[in-house]
Amino acid sequence: MPRRRVDTERWQPRLWSVLIGLLLLVLYVIAFIVRNDEQITIHFILFSANISLIWEIVFVFALGLLGGVLLSQVYRRRRAQRGGQPADGVRDLGRGGKAEGKARG
């Protein structure tokens, strides 16, 4: 049973470091929201809107995240349609697809 005690002692510092890290992250997010609460005007083509700066930041972040996920899916689908070949033309270097250098043995 001494093995279990050693595992518990190793686990506790990790637990506390994770909890402190999460607490710092939450405090940072709260401070970020409080510091970016001013009202801004966004001008669209047909209308304007007054919103809080933090909502614009969240919207732009979500839009960028969604765009990145969608673009990665398009890349993945195109690569799968080509049979798993690299999309950047590496196979068309003019060497017949043979590797250079000596084989390790």
PDB file of N, CA and C in Angstrom:
ATOM      1  N   MET A   1       0.777  -1.211   0.000  1.00  0.00           N
ATOM      2  CA  MET A   1       0.000   0.000   0.000  1.00  0.00           C
ATOM      3  C   MET A   1       0.817   1.273   0.000  1.00  0.00           C
ATOM      4  N   PRO A   2       2.120   1.258   0.241  1.00  0.00           N
ATOM      5  CA  PRO A   2       2.878   2.505   0.187  1.00  0.00           C
ATOM      6  C   PRO A   2       2.843   3.133  -1.206  1.00  0.00           C
ATOM      7  N   ARG A   3       2.651   2.336  -2.235  1.00  0.00           N
ATOM      8  CA  ARG A   3       2.604   2.846  -3.609  1.00  0.00           C
ATOM      9  C   ARG A   3       1.470   3.859  -3.783  1.00  0.00           C
ATOM     10  N   ARG A   4       0.336   3.597  -3.186  1.00  0.00           N
ATOM     11  CA  ARG A   4      -0.809   4.489  -3.317  1.00  0.00           C
ATOM     12  C   ARG A   4      -0.536   5.852  -2.685  1.00  0.00           C
ATOM     13  N   ARG A   5       0.140   5.882  -1.591  1.00  0.00           N
ATOM     14  CA  ARG A   5       0.471   7.139  -0.917  1.00  0.00           C
ATOM     15  C   ARG A   5       1.410   7.986  -1.771  1.00  0.00           C
ATOM     16  N   VAL A   6       2.368   7.369  -2.424  1.00  0.00           N
ATOM     17  CA  VAL A   6       3.294   8.103  -3.296  1.00  0.00           C
ATOM     18  C   VAL A   6       2.531   8.714  -4.461  1.00  0.00           C
ATOM     19  N   ASP A   7       1.611   7.975  -5.077  1.00  0.00           N
ATOM     20  CA  ASP A   7       0.827   8.504  -6.189  1.00  0.00           C
ATOM     21  C   ASP A   7      -0.032   9.687  -5.744  1.00  0.00           C
ATOM     22  N   THR A   8      -0.599   9.607  -4.536  1.00  0.00           N
ATOM     23  CA  THR A   8      -1.425  10.690  -4.021  1.00  0.00           C
ATOM     24  C   THR A   8      -0.584  11.945  -3.780  1.00  0.00           C
ATOM     25  N   GLU A   9       0.620  11.792  -3.269  1.00  0.00           N
ATOM     26  CA  GLU A   9       1.478  12.946  -3.030  1.00  0.00           C
ATOM     27  C   GLU A   9       1.915  13.597  -4.333  1.00  0.00           C
ATOM     28  N   ARG A  10       2.120  12.810  -5.363  1.00  0.00           N
ATOM     29  CA  ARG A  10       2.490  13.369  -6.657  1.00  0.00           C
ATOM     30  C   ARG A  10       1.315  14.072  -7.318  1.00  0.00           C
ATOM     31  N   TRP A  11       0.125  13.603  -7.081  1.00  0.00           N
ATOM     32  CA  TRP A  11      -1.061  14.134  -7.741  1.00  0.00           C
ATOM     33  C   TRP A  11      -1.494  15.470  -7.148  1.00  0.00           C
ATOM     34  N   GLN A  12      -1.337  15.672  -5.855  1.00  0.00           N
ATOM     35  CA  GLN A  12      -1.819  16.883  -5.196  1.00  0.00           C
ATOM     36  C   GLN A  12      -1.184  18.170  -5.727  1.00  0.00           C
ATOM     37  N   PRO A  13       0.125  18.243  -5.902  1.00  0.00           N
ATOM     38  CA  PRO A  13       0.682  19.495  -6.458  1.00  0.00           C
ATOM     39  C   PRO A  13       0.150  19.787  -7.861  1.00  0.00           C
ATOM     40  N   ARG A  14      -0.064  18.764  -8.621  1.00  0.00           N
ATOM     41  CA  ARG A  14      -0.609  18.972  -9.970  1.00  0.00           C
ATOM     42  C   ARG A  14      -2.036  19.507  -9.889  1.00  0.00           C
ATOM     43  N   LEU A  15      -2.835  18.965  -8.974  1.00  0.00           N
ATOM     44  CA  LEU A  15      -4.202  19.447  -8.785  1.00  0.00           C
ATOM     45  C   LEU A  15      -4.211  20.923  -8.414  1.00  0.00           C
ATOM     46  N   TRP A  16      -3.364  21.311  -7.454  1.00  0.00           N
ATOM     47  CA  TRP A  16      -3.325  22.705  -7.030  1.00  0.00           C
ATOM     48  C   TRP A  16      -2.814  23.621  -8.128  1.00  0.00           C
ATOM     49  N   SER A  17      -1.858  23.181  -8.905  1.00  0.00           N
ATOM     50  CA  SER A  17      -1.363  24.023 -10.002  1.00  0.00           C
ATOM     51  C   SER A  17      -2.438  24.207 -11.072  1.00  0.00           C
ATOM     52  N   VAL A  18      -3.229  23.178 -11.346  1.00  0.00           N
ATOM     53  CA  VAL A  18      -4.321  23.300 -12.314  1.00  0.00           C
ATOM     54  C   VAL A  18      -5.391  24.247 -11.773  1.00  0.00           C
ATOM     55  N   LEU A  19      -5.748  24.104 -10.506  1.00  0.00           N
ATOM     56  CA  LEU A  19      -6.756  24.992  -9.906  1.00  0.00           C
ATOM     57  C   LEU A  19      -6.298  26.447  -9.901  1.00  0.00           C
ATOM     58  N   ILE A  20      -5.051  26.689  -9.566  1.00  0.00           N
ATOM     59  CA  ILE A  20      -4.525  28.056  -9.578  1.00  0.00           C
ATOM     60  C   ILE A  20      -4.498  28.604 -11.004  1.00  0.00           C
ATOM     61  N   GLY A  21      -4.114  27.779 -11.955  1.00  0.00           N
ATOM     62  CA  GLY A  21      -4.120  28.202 -13.356  1.00  0.00           C
ATOM     63  C   GLY A  21      -5.516  28.560 -13.832  1.00  0.00           C
ATOM     64  N   LEU A  22      -6.511  27.742 -13.480  1.00  0.00           N
ATOM     65  CA  LEU A  22      -7.896  28.043 -13.863  1.00  0.00           C
ATOM     66  C   LEU A  22      -8.404  29.314 -13.192  1.00  0.00           C
ATOM     67  N   LEU A  23      -8.054  29.508 -11.928  1.00  0.00           N
ATOM     68  CA  LEU A  23      -8.450  30.724 -11.223  1.00  0.00           C
ATOM     69  C   LEU A  23      -7.847  31.962 -11.886  1.00  0.00           C
ATOM     70  N   LEU A  24      -6.571  31.884 -12.248  1.00  0.00           N
ATOM     71  CA  LEU A  24      -5.928  33.009 -12.934  1.00  0.00           C
ATOM     72  C   LEU A  24      -6.572  33.276 -14.290  1.00  0.00           C
ATOM     73  N   LEU A  25      -6.941  32.225 -15.000  1.00  0.00           N
ATOM     74  CA  LEU A  25      -7.604  32.385 -16.289  1.00  0.00           C
ATOM     75  C   LEU A  25      -8.963  33.059 -16.125  1.00  0.00           C
ATOM     76  N   VAL A  26      -9.732  32.633 -15.135  1.00  0.00           N
ATOM     77  CA  VAL A  26     -11.039  33.241 -14.876  1.00  0.00           C
ATOM     78  C   VAL A  26     -10.878  34.710 -14.493  1.00  0.00           C
ATOM     79  N   LEU A  27      -9.916  35.018 -13.631  1.00  0.00           N
ATOM     80  CA  LEU A  27      -9.676  36.412 -13.248  1.00  0.00           C
ATOM     81  C   LEU A  27      -9.255  37.255 -14.449  1.00  0.00           C
ATOM     82  N   TYR A  28      -8.447  36.684 -15.332  1.00  0.00           N
ATOM     83  CA  TYR A  28      -8.029  37.409 -16.530  1.00  0.00           C
ATOM     84  C   TYR A  28      -9.223  37.694 -17.434  1.00  0.00           C
ATOM     85  N   VAL A  29     -10.090  36.708 -17.623  1.00  0.00           N
ATOM     86  CA  VAL A  29     -11.272  36.896 -18.477  1.00  0.00           C
ATOM     87  C   VAL A  29     -12.186  37.959 -17.885  1.00  0.00           C
ATOM     88  N   ILE A  30     -12.388  37.929 -16.569  1.00  0.00           N
ATOM     89  CA  ILE A  30     -13.228  38.950 -15.921  1.00  0.00           C
ATOM     90  C   ILE A  30     -12.626  40.339 -16.105  1.00  0.00           C
ATOM     91  N   ALA A  31     -11.330  40.477 -15.891  1.00  0.00           N
ATOM     92  CA  ALA A  31     -10.670  41.776 -16.077  1.00  0.00           C
ATOM     93  C   ALA A  31     -10.749  42.228 -17.534  1.00  0.00           C
ATOM     94  N   PHE A  32     -10.626  41.291 -18.466  1.00  0.00           N
ATOM     95  CA  PHE A  32     -10.723  41.604 -19.887  1.00  0.00           C
ATOM     96  C   PHE A  32     -12.105  42.153 -20.223  1.00  0.00           C
ATOM     97  N   ILE A  33     -13.131  41.525 -19.680  1.00  0.00           N
ATOM     98  CA  ILE A  33     -14.503  41.970 -19.940  1.00  0.00           C
ATOM     99  C   ILE A  33     -14.739  43.351 -19.328  1.00  0.00           C
ATOM    100  N   VAL A  34     -14.288  43.556 -18.109  1.00  0.00           N
ATOM    101  CA  VAL A  34     -14.499  44.838 -17.433  1.00  0.00           C
ATOM    102  C   VAL A  34     -13.778  45.968 -18.164  1.00  0.00           C
ATOM    103  N   ARG A  35     -12.568  45.701 -18.648  1.00  0.00           N
ATOM    104  CA  ARG A  35     -11.791  46.751 -19.328  1.00  0.00           C
ATOM    105  C   ARG A  35     -12.331  47.069 -20.723  1.00  0.00           C
ATOM    106  N   ASN A  36     -13.102  46.176 -21.320  1.00  0.00           N
ATOM    107  CA  ASN A  36     -13.605  46.383 -22.681  1.00  0.00           C
ATOM    108  C   ASN A  36     -15.118  46.519 -22.703  1.00  0.00           C
ATOM    109  N   ASP A  37     -15.668  47.262 -21.763  1.00  0.00           N
ATOM    110  CA  ASP A  37     -17.120  47.396 -21.687  1.00  0.00           C
ATOM    111  C   ASP A  37     -17.650  48.673 -22.338  1.00  0.00           C
ATOM    112  N   GLU A  38     -16.803  49.472 -22.940  1.00  0.00           N
ATOM    113  CA  GLU A  38     -17.267  50.723 -23.542  1.00  0.00           C
ATOM    114  C   GLU A  38     -18.125  50.457 -24.778  1.00  0.00           C
ATOM    115  N   GLN A  39     -19.019  51.392 -25.055  1.00  0.00           N
ATOM    116  CA  GLN A  39     -19.917  51.271 -26.199  1.00  0.00           C
ATOM    117  C   GLN A  39     -19.224  51.783 -27.462  1.00  0.00           C
ATOM    118  N   ILE A  40     -19.408  51.044 -28.559  1.00  0.00           N
ATOM    119  CA  ILE A  40     -18.874  51.471 -29.856  1.00  0.00           C
ATOM    120  C   ILE A  40     -19.994  51.418 -30.883  1.00  0.00           C
ATOM    121  N   THR A  41     -19.797  52.122 -31.973  1.00  0.00           N
ATOM    122  CA  THR A  41     -20.765  52.122 -33.060  1.00  0.00           C
ATOM    123  C   THR A  41     -20.157  51.381 -34.240  1.00  0.00           C
ATOM    124  N   ILE A  42     -20.891  50.411 -34.748  1.00  0.00           N
ATOM    125  CA  ILE A  42     -20.477  49.686 -35.947  1.00  0.00           C
ATOM    126  C   ILE A  42     -21.382  50.139 -37.079  1.00  0.00           C
ATOM    127  N   HIS A  43     -20.782  50.588 -38.159  1.00  0.00           N
ATOM    128  CA  HIS A  43     -21.531  51.091 -39.305  1.00  0.00           C
ATOM    129  C   HIS A  43     -21.603  49.996 -40.376  1.00  0.00           C
ATOM    130  N   PHE A  44     -22.798  49.508 -40.612  1.00  0.00           N
ATOM    131  CA  PHE A  44     -23.052  48.584 -41.701  1.00  0.00           C
ATOM    132  C   PHE A  44     -23.490  49.397 -42.908  1.00  0.00           C
ATOM    133  N   ILE A  45     -23.734  48.769 -44.009  1.00  0.00           N
ATOM    134  CA  ILE A  45     -24.098  49.518 -45.221  1.00  0.00           C
ATOM    135  C   ILE A  45     -25.447  50.210 -45.066  1.00  0.00           C
ATOM    136  N   LEU A  46     -26.424  49.504 -44.525  1.00  0.00           N
ATOM    137  CA  LEU A  46     -27.771  50.058 -44.435  1.00  0.00           C
ATOM    138  C   LEU A  46     -28.141  50.599 -43.058  1.00  0.00           C
ATOM    139  N   PHE A  47     -27.356  50.282 -42.036  1.00  0.00           N
ATOM    140  CA  PHE A  47     -27.699  50.725 -40.689  1.00  0.00           C
ATOM    141  C   PHE A  47     -26.449  50.745 -39.816  1.00  0.00           C
ATOM    142  N   SER A  48     -26.610  51.288 -38.630  1.00  0.00           N
ATOM    143  CA  SER A  48     -25.530  51.323 -37.635  1.00  0.00           C
ATOM    144  C   SER A  48     -26.031  50.661 -36.358  1.00  0.00           C
ATOM    145  N   ALA A  49     -25.088  50.143 -35.562  1.00  0.00           N
ATOM    146  CA  ALA A  49     -25.460  49.497 -34.311  1.00  0.00           C
ATOM    147  C   ALA A  49     -24.495  49.921 -33.216  1.00  0.00           C
ATOM    148  N   ASN A  50     -25.045  50.179 -32.037  1.00  0.00           N
ATOM    149  CA  ASN A  50     -24.234  50.481 -30.858  1.00  0.00           C
ATOM    150  C   ASN A  50     -24.153  49.217 -30.015  1.00  0.00           C
ATOM    151  N   ILE A  51     -22.939  48.728 -29.810  1.00  0.00           N
ATOM    152  CA  ILE A  51     -22.745  47.529 -28.993  1.00  0.00           C
ATOM    153  C   ILE A  51     -21.543  47.734 -28.089  1.00  0.00           C
ATOM    154  N   SER A  52     -21.405  46.854 -27.140  1.00  0.00           N
ATOM    155  CA  SER A  52     -20.253  46.880 -26.250  1.00  0.00           C
ATOM    156  C   SER A  52     -19.048  46.310 -26.998  1.00  0.00           C
ATOM    157  N   LEU A  53     -17.889  46.863 -26.728  1.00  0.00           N
ATOM    158  CA  LEU A  53     -16.663  46.423 -27.398  1.00  0.00           C
ATOM    159  C   LEU A  53     -16.389  44.942 -27.167  1.00  0.00           C
ATOM    160  N   ILE A  54     -16.694  44.437 -25.984  1.00  0.00           N
ATOM    161  CA  ILE A  54     -16.421  43.037 -25.689  1.00  0.00           C
ATOM    162  C   ILE A  54     -17.241  42.122 -26.597  1.00  0.00           C
ATOM    163  N   TRP A  55     -18.480  42.520 -26.933  1.00  0.00           N
ATOM    164  CA  TRP A  55     -19.294  41.685 -27.816  1.00  0.00           C
ATOM    165  C   TRP A  55     -18.735  41.674 -29.230  1.00  0.00           C
ATOM    166  N   GLU A  56     -18.159  42.784 -29.649  1.00  0.00           N
ATOM    167  CA  GLU A  56     -17.517  42.797 -30.965  1.00  0.00           C
ATOM    168  C   GLU A  56     -16.301  41.871 -30.963  1.00  0.00           C
ATOM    169  N   ILE A  57     -15.515  41.914 -29.901  1.00  0.00           N
ATOM    170  CA  ILE A  57     -14.342  41.043 -29.811  1.00  0.00           C
ATOM    171  C   ILE A  57     -14.761  39.582 -29.822  1.00  0.00           C
ATOM    172  N   VAL A  58     -15.793  39.240 -29.037  1.00  0.00           N
ATOM    173  CA  VAL A  58     -16.280  37.856 -29.001  1.00  0.00           C
ATOM    174  C   VAL A  58     -16.816  37.436 -30.366  1.00  0.00           C
ATOM    175  N   PHE A  59     -17.560  38.323 -31.032  1.00  0.00           N
ATOM    176  CA  PHE A  59     -18.110  38.003 -32.349  1.00  0.00           C
ATOM    177  C   PHE A  59     -17.009  37.774 -33.380  1.00  0.00           C
ATOM    178  N   VAL A  60     -16.016  38.637 -33.393  1.00  0.00           N
ATOM    179  CA  VAL A  60     -14.921  38.489 -34.356  1.00  0.00           C
ATOM    180  C   VAL A  60     -14.103  37.228 -34.065  1.00  0.00           C
ATOM    181  N   PHE A  61     -13.886  36.925 -32.794  1.00  0.00           N
ATOM    182  CA  PHE A  61     -13.189  35.697 -32.426  1.00  0.00           C
ATOM    183  C   PHE A  61     -13.968  34.473 -32.891  1.00  0.00           C
ATOM    184  N   ALA A  62     -15.278  34.455 -32.637  1.00  0.00           N
ATOM    185  CA  ALA A  62     -16.106  33.315 -33.052  1.00  0.00           C
ATOM    186  C   ALA A  62     -16.141  33.191 -34.577  1.00  0.00           C
ATOM    187  N   LEU A  63     -16.218  34.320 -35.271  1.00  0.00           N
ATOM    188  CA  LEU A  63     -16.224  34.308 -36.729  1.00  0.00           C
ATOM    189  C   LEU A  63     -14.907  33.758 -37.279  1.00  0.00           C
ATOM    190  N   GLY A  64     -13.796  34.161 -36.694  1.00  0.00           N
ATOM    191  CA  GLY A  64     -12.495  33.643 -37.118  1.00  0.00           C
ATOM    192  C   GLY A  64     -12.346  32.164 -36.813  1.00  0.00           C
ATOM    193  N   LEU A  65     -12.826  31.733 -35.663  1.00  0.00           N
ATOM    194  CA  LEU A  65     -12.775  30.313 -35.310  1.00  0.00           C
ATOM    195  C   LEU A  65     -13.616  29.487 -36.269  1.00  0.00           C
ATOM    196  N   LEU A  66     -14.821  29.943 -36.560  1.00  0.00           N
ATOM    197  CA  LEU A  66     -15.688  29.244 -37.498  1.00  0.00           C
ATOM    198  C   LEU A  66     -15.067  29.199 -38.892  1.00  0.00           C
ATOM    199  N   GLY A  67     -14.510  30.311 -39.338  1.00  0.00           N
ATOM    200  CA  GLY A  67     -13.854  30.336 -40.649  1.00  0.00           C
ATOM    201  C   GLY A  67     -12.668  29.392 -40.710  1.00  0.00           C
ATOM    202  N   GLY A  68     -11.872  29.323 -39.649  1.00  0.00           N
ATOM    203  CA  GLY A  68     -10.744  28.409 -39.614  1.00  0.00           C
ATOM    204  C   GLY A  68     -11.174  26.951 -39.662  1.00  0.00           C
ATOM    205  N   VAL A  69     -12.221  26.620 -38.918  1.00  0.00           N
ATOM    206  CA  VAL A  69     -12.724  25.238 -38.928  1.00  0.00           C
ATOM    207  C   VAL A  69     -13.262  24.880 -40.309  1.00  0.00           C
ATOM    208  N   LEU A  70     -14.030  25.786 -40.906  1.00  0.00           N
ATOM    209  CA  LEU A  70     -14.584  25.506 -42.231  1.00  0.00           C
ATOM    210  C   LEU A  70     -13.489  25.368 -43.286  1.00  0.00           C
ATOM    211  N   LEU A  71     -12.480  26.233 -43.248  1.00  0.00           N
ATOM    212  CA  LEU A  71     -11.386  26.125 -44.213  1.00  0.00           C
ATOM    213  C   LEU A  71     -10.589  24.841 -44.024  1.00  0.00           C
ATOM    214  N   SER A  72     -10.397  24.410 -42.790  1.00  0.00           N
ATOM    215  CA  SER A  72      -9.674  23.158 -42.567  1.00  0.00           C
ATOM    216  C   SER A  72     -10.473  21.969 -43.083  1.00  0.00           C
ATOM    217  N   GLN A  73     -11.797  22.043 -42.993  1.00  0.00           N
ATOM    218  CA  GLN A  73     -12.628  20.959 -43.514  1.00  0.00           C
ATOM    219  C   GLN A  73     -12.584  20.927 -45.038  1.00  0.00           C
ATOM    220  N   VAL A  74     -12.580  22.093 -45.668  1.00  0.00           N
ATOM    221  CA  VAL A  74     -12.471  22.147 -47.133  1.00  0.00           C
ATOM    222  C   VAL A  74     -11.136  21.568 -47.577  1.00  0.00           C
ATOM    223  N   TYR A  75     -10.056  21.940 -46.890  1.00  0.00           N
ATOM    224  CA  TYR A  75      -8.729  21.408 -47.217  1.00  0.00           C
ATOM    225  C   TYR A  75      -8.698  19.890 -47.046  1.00  0.00           C
ATOM    226  N   ARG A  76      -9.260  19.422 -45.937  1.00  0.00           N
ATOM    227  CA  ARG A  76      -9.268  17.982 -45.671  1.00  0.00           C
ATOM    228  C   ARG A  76     -10.072  17.215 -46.723  1.00  0.00           C
ATOM    229  N   ARG A  77     -11.206  17.758 -47.127  1.00  0.00           N
ATOM    230  CA  ARG A  77     -12.043  17.097 -48.124  1.00  0.00           C
ATOM    231  C   ARG A  77     -11.344  17.058 -49.489  1.00  0.00           C
ATOM    232  N   ARG A  78     -10.704  18.167 -49.872  1.00  0.00           N
ATOM    233  CA  ARG A  78      -9.991  18.184 -51.155  1.00  0.00           C
ATOM    234  C   ARG A  78      -8.818  17.222 -51.149  1.00  0.00           C
ATOM    235  N   ARG A  79      -8.112  17.138 -50.034  1.00  0.00           N
ATOM    236  CA  ARG A  79      -6.985  16.219 -49.935  1.00  0.00           C
ATOM    237  C   ARG A  79      -7.458  14.769 -50.009  1.00  0.00           C
ATOM    238  N   ALA A  80      -8.598  14.469 -49.398  1.00  0.00           N
ATOM    239  CA  ALA A  80      -9.145  13.116 -49.440  1.00  0.00           C
ATOM    240  C   ALA A  80      -9.591  12.757 -50.858  1.00  0.00           C
ATOM    241  N   GLN A  81     -10.120  13.724 -51.608  1.00  0.00           N
ATOM    242  CA  GLN A  81     -10.551  13.466 -52.981  1.00  0.00           C
ATOM    243  C   GLN A  81      -9.371  13.184 -53.905  1.00  0.00           C
ATOM    244  N   ARG A  82      -8.208  13.719 -53.558  1.00  0.00           N
ATOM    245  CA  ARG A  82      -7.011  13.487 -54.378  1.00  0.00           C
ATOM    246  C   ARG A  82      -6.298  12.198 -53.989  1.00  0.00           C
ATOM    247  N   GLY A  83      -6.869  11.447 -53.093  1.00  0.00           N
ATOM    248  CA  GLY A  83      -6.268  10.186 -52.704  1.00  0.00           C
ATOM    249  C   GLY A  83      -5.214  10.318 -51.628  1.00  0.00           C
ATOM    250  N   GLY A  84      -5.301  11.356 -50.835  1.00  0.00           N
ATOM    251  CA  GLY A  84      -4.361  11.523 -49.740  1.00  0.00           C
ATOM    252  C   GLY A  84      -3.038  12.122 -50.155  1.00  0.00           C
ATOM    253  N   GLN A  85      -2.914  12.592 -51.373  1.00  0.00           N
ATOM    254  CA  GLN A  85      -1.670  13.196 -51.838  1.00  0.00           C
ATOM    255  C   GLN A  85      -1.523  14.592 -51.243  1.00  0.00           C
ATOM    256  N   PRO A  86      -0.291  15.027 -51.005  1.00  0.00           N
ATOM    257  CA  PRO A  86      -0.090  16.384 -50.485  1.00  0.00           C
ATOM    258  C   PRO A  86      -0.647  17.424 -51.445  1.00  0.00           C
ATOM    259  N   ALA A  87      -1.288  18.438 -50.905  1.00  0.00           N
ATOM    260  CA  ALA A  87      -1.938  19.452 -51.733  1.00  0.00           C
ATOM    261  C   ALA A  87      -0.968  20.499 -52.250  1.00  0.00           C
ATOM    262  N   ASP A  88       0.285  20.518 -51.803  1.00  0.00           N
ATOM    263  CA  ASP A  88       1.202  21.575 -52.198  1.00  0.00           C
ATOM    264  C   ASP A  88       2.112  21.195 -53.367  1.00  0.00           C
ATOM    265  N   GLY A  89       1.886  20.071 -54.014  1.00  0.00           N
ATOM    266  CA  GLY A  89       2.650  19.694 -55.190  1.00  0.00           C
ATOM    267  C   GLY A  89       4.006  19.100 -54.887  1.00  0.00           C
ATOM    268  N   VAL A  90       4.228  18.577 -53.719  1.00  0.00           N
ATOM    269  CA  VAL A  90       5.525  18.002 -53.363  1.00  0.00           C
ATOM    270  C   VAL A  90       5.849  16.817 -54.254  1.00  0.00           C
ATOM    271  N   ARG A  91       4.869  16.067 -54.663  1.00  0.00           N
ATOM    272  CA  ARG A  91       5.123  14.882 -55.483  1.00  0.00           C
ATOM    273  C   ARG A  91       5.540  15.245 -56.902  1.00  0.00           C
ATOM    274  N   ASP A  92       5.378  16.477 -57.325  1.00  0.00           N
ATOM    275  CA  ASP A  92       5.713  16.883 -58.683  1.00  0.00           C
ATOM    276  C   ASP A  92       7.047  17.618 -58.747  1.00  0.00           C
ATOM    277  N   LEU A  93       8.053  17.116 -58.075  1.00  0.00           N
ATOM    278  CA  LEU A  93       9.347  17.778 -58.068  1.00  0.00           C
ATOM    279  C   LEU A  93      10.246  17.353 -59.223  1.00  0.00           C
ATOM    280  N   GLY A  94       9.802  16.430 -60.037  1.00  0.00           N
ATOM    281  CA  GLY A  94      10.584  16.020 -61.187  1.00  0.00           C
ATOM    282  C   GLY A  94      11.580  14.913 -60.908  1.00  0.00           C
ATOM    283  N   ARG A  95      11.540  14.261 -59.804  1.00  0.00           N
ATOM    284  CA  ARG A  95      12.481  13.199 -59.463  1.00  0.00           C
ATOM    285  C   ARG A  95      11.815  11.828 -59.489  1.00  0.00           C
ATOM    286  N   GLY A  96      10.627  11.761 -59.983  1.00  0.00           N
ATOM    287  CA  GLY A  96       9.977  10.464 -60.092  1.00  0.00           C
ATOM    288  C   GLY A  96       9.498   9.903 -58.781  1.00  0.00           C
ATOM    289  N   GLY A  97       9.428  10.712 -57.746  1.00  0.00           N
ATOM    290  CA  GLY A  97       8.925  10.265 -56.460  1.00  0.00           C
ATOM    291  C   GLY A  97       9.934   9.468 -55.659  1.00  0.00           C
ATOM    292  N   LYS A  98      11.199   9.450 -56.059  1.00  0.00           N
ATOM    293  CA  LYS A  98      12.207   8.689 -55.333  1.00  0.00           C
ATOM    294  C   LYS A  98      12.863   9.563 -54.272  1.00  0.00           C
ATOM    295  N   ALA A  99      13.184   8.940 -53.163  1.00  0.00           N
ATOM    296  CA  ALA A  99      13.823   9.672 -52.073  1.00  0.00           C
ATOM    297  C   ALA A  99      15.302   9.838 -52.369  1.00  0.00           C
ATOM    298  N   GLU A 100      15.873  10.928 -51.864  1.00  0.00           N
ATOM    299  CA  GLU A 100      17.289  11.187 -52.017  1.00  0.00           C
ATOM    300  C   GLU A 100      18.024  10.727 -50.779  1.00  0.00           C
ATOM    301  N   GLY A 101      19.292  10.468 -50.917  1.00  0.00           N
ATOM    302  CA  GLY A 101      20.118  10.104 -49.762  1.00  0.00           C
ATOM    303  C   GLY A 101      20.274   8.607 -49.624  1.00  0.00           C
ATOM    304  N   LYS A 102      21.077   8.216 -48.632  1.00  0.00           N
ATOM    305  CA  LYS A 102      21.330   6.812 -48.394  1.00  0.00           C
ATOM    306  C   LYS A 102      20.291   6.228 -47.448  1.00  0.00           C
ATOM    307  N   ALA A 103      20.025   4.954 -47.645  1.00  0.00           N
ATOM    308  CA  ALA A 103      19.121   4.265 -46.748  1.00  0.00           C
ATOM    309  C   ALA A 103      19.854   3.920 -45.469  1.00  0.00           C
ATOM    310  N   ARG A 104      19.182   4.082 -44.357  1.00  0.00           N
ATOM    311  CA  ARG A 104      19.777   3.730 -43.072  1.00  0.00           C
ATOM    312  C   ARG A 104      19.625   2.239 -42.848  1.00  0.00           C
ATOM    313  N   GLY A 105      20.648   1.617 -42.323  1.00  0.00           N
ATOM    314  CA  GLY A 105      20.540   0.191 -42.127  1.00  0.00           C
ATOM    315  C   GLY A 105      21.058  -0.251 -40.900  1.00  0.00           C
TER     316      GLY A 105
END
